[in-house]
Amino acid sequence: MSKIDQDQLLRKLADDFINIANDQAEVQDKNIVNTSFMYAASRFCAYVAASSARNLEDFQGKQKQGIEFFSGEFQRMLESNMHNYEKVFQSSETLRYEEFMKKD
């Protein structure tokens, strides 16, 4: 799979998860939805790390490295998304929060 195809798939999958979270946020407190989303992501990251280990010793030996990797990636992505949301608050922009939340 090409890098472009991977990027398109990543964004499609992310949009699918975000749509589920948005649907839940219509009927649940968005802070609870957010916490459950982060918990689910952390569980899946732990699964990915565990499934790539040869055994318990290997898994335990690589936990710190895995946590640093996943934490760093999350921070990088969060910083990028926070920057993107700055447009919501810029008075010269006609884009408002609702535009970010629209479903295609």
Protein backbone atom coordinates (compact mmCIF):
# COMPACT_ATOMS: atom_id res chain seq x y z
CA MET A 1 0.00 0.00 0.00
CA SER A 2 1.39 3.39 -0.97
CA LYS A 3 1.99 6.17 1.57
CA ILE A 4 -0.88 8.17 0.01
CA ASP A 5 -3.23 5.17 0.26
CA GLN A 6 -2.19 4.61 3.89
CA ASP A 7 -2.85 8.27 4.71
CA GLN A 8 -6.29 8.14 3.08
CA LEU A 9 -7.16 4.94 4.95
CA LEU A 10 -5.93 6.42 8.25
CA ARG A 11 -8.10 9.50 7.78
CA LYS A 12 -11.15 7.42 6.76
CA LEU A 13 -10.81 5.17 9.81
CA ALA A 14 -10.30 8.19 12.08
CA ASP A 15 -13.41 9.83 10.60
CA ASP A 16 -15.39 6.62 11.26
CA PHE A 17 -14.33 6.65 14.93
CA ILE A 18 -15.01 10.38 15.24
CA ASN A 19 -18.50 9.92 13.77
CA ILE A 20 -19.23 7.30 16.45
CA ALA A 21 -17.94 9.67 19.15
CA ASN A 22 -20.01 12.54 17.72
CA ASP A 23 -23.13 10.36 17.73
CA GLN A 24 -22.47 9.44 21.37
CA ALA A 25 -21.80 13.08 22.28
CA GLU A 26 -25.33 13.91 21.12
CA VAL A 27 -26.77 11.78 23.93
CA GLN A 28 -23.91 11.57 26.47
CA ASP A 29 -21.67 14.11 28.18
CA LYS A 30 -18.86 14.89 25.69
CA ASN A 31 -16.27 14.66 28.49
CA ILE A 32 -17.31 11.08 29.24
CA VAL A 33 -17.26 10.27 25.52
CA ASN A 34 -13.78 11.79 25.29
CA THR A 35 -12.49 9.80 28.26
CA SER A 36 -13.93 6.56 26.88
CA PHE A 37 -12.36 7.32 23.49
CA MET A 38 -8.94 7.84 25.09
CA TYR A 39 -9.37 4.70 27.20
CA ALA A 40 -10.27 2.65 24.13
CA ALA A 41 -7.26 4.02 22.23
CA SER A 42 -4.94 3.20 25.12
CA ARG A 43 -6.35 -0.33 25.37
CA PHE A 44 -5.83 -0.88 21.67
CA CYS A 45 -2.28 0.51 21.87
CA ALA A 46 -1.55 -1.95 24.71
CA TYR A 47 -2.98 -4.75 22.57
CA VAL A 48 -0.81 -3.77 19.59
CA ALA A 49 2.28 -3.67 21.81
CA ALA A 50 1.47 -7.00 23.48
CA SER A 51 0.68 -8.73 20.20
CA SER A 52 4.05 -7.72 18.76
CA ALA A 53 6.02 -9.10 21.73
CA ARG A 54 7.60 -12.55 21.61
CA ASN A 55 6.83 -13.29 25.27
CA LEU A 56 6.09 -11.65 28.64
CA GLU A 57 9.73 -10.70 29.22
CA ASP A 58 9.95 -9.06 25.81
CA PHE A 59 6.67 -7.22 26.44
CA GLN A 60 7.77 -5.99 29.86
CA GLY A 61 11.15 -4.94 28.52
CA LYS A 62 9.60 -2.81 25.79
CA GLN A 63 6.75 -1.23 27.77
CA LYS A 64 8.56 2.03 28.54
CA GLN A 65 9.61 2.42 24.90
CA GLY A 66 6.05 1.68 23.74
CA ILE A 67 4.51 4.15 26.18
CA GLU A 68 6.95 6.84 25.06
CA PHE A 69 6.18 6.11 21.41
CA PHE A 70 2.38 6.15 21.77
CA SER A 71 2.45 9.18 24.09
CA GLY A 72 4.68 11.08 21.68
CA GLU A 73 2.47 10.27 18.71
CA PHE A 74 -0.65 11.31 20.64
CA GLN A 75 0.99 14.58 21.66
CA ARG A 76 2.09 15.33 18.09
CA MET A 77 -1.39 14.64 16.72
CA LEU A 78 -3.12 16.58 19.50
CA GLU A 79 -0.88 19.62 18.95
CA SER A 80 -1.65 19.51 15.23
CA ASN A 81 -5.40 19.27 15.83
CA MET A 82 -5.33 22.03 18.46
CA HIS A 83 -3.58 24.24 15.91
CA ASN A 84 -6.27 23.41 13.34
CA TYR A 85 -9.01 24.38 15.80
CA GLU A 86 -7.47 27.85 16.23
CA LYS A 87 -9.36 28.75 13.03
CA VAL A 88 -12.59 28.51 15.01
CA PHE A 89 -11.55 31.48 17.13
CA GLN A 90 -10.08 33.70 14.42
CA SER A 91 -12.50 36.52 13.69
CA SER A 92 -11.40 36.76 10.06
CA GLU A 93 -12.58 33.21 9.47
CA THR A 94 -16.20 32.42 8.69
CA LEU A 95 -15.64 28.85 9.88
CA ARG A 96 -17.27 28.08 13.23
CA TYR A 97 -17.16 25.08 15.53
CA GLU A 98 -20.24 23.54 13.93
CA GLU A 99 -18.36 23.30 10.64
CA PHE A 100 -15.81 20.99 12.27
CA MET A 101 -18.58 18.75 13.59
CA LYS A 102 -20.55 18.29 10.34
CA LYS A 103 -20.89 14.76 9.06
CA ASP A 104 -20.38 14.10 5.37
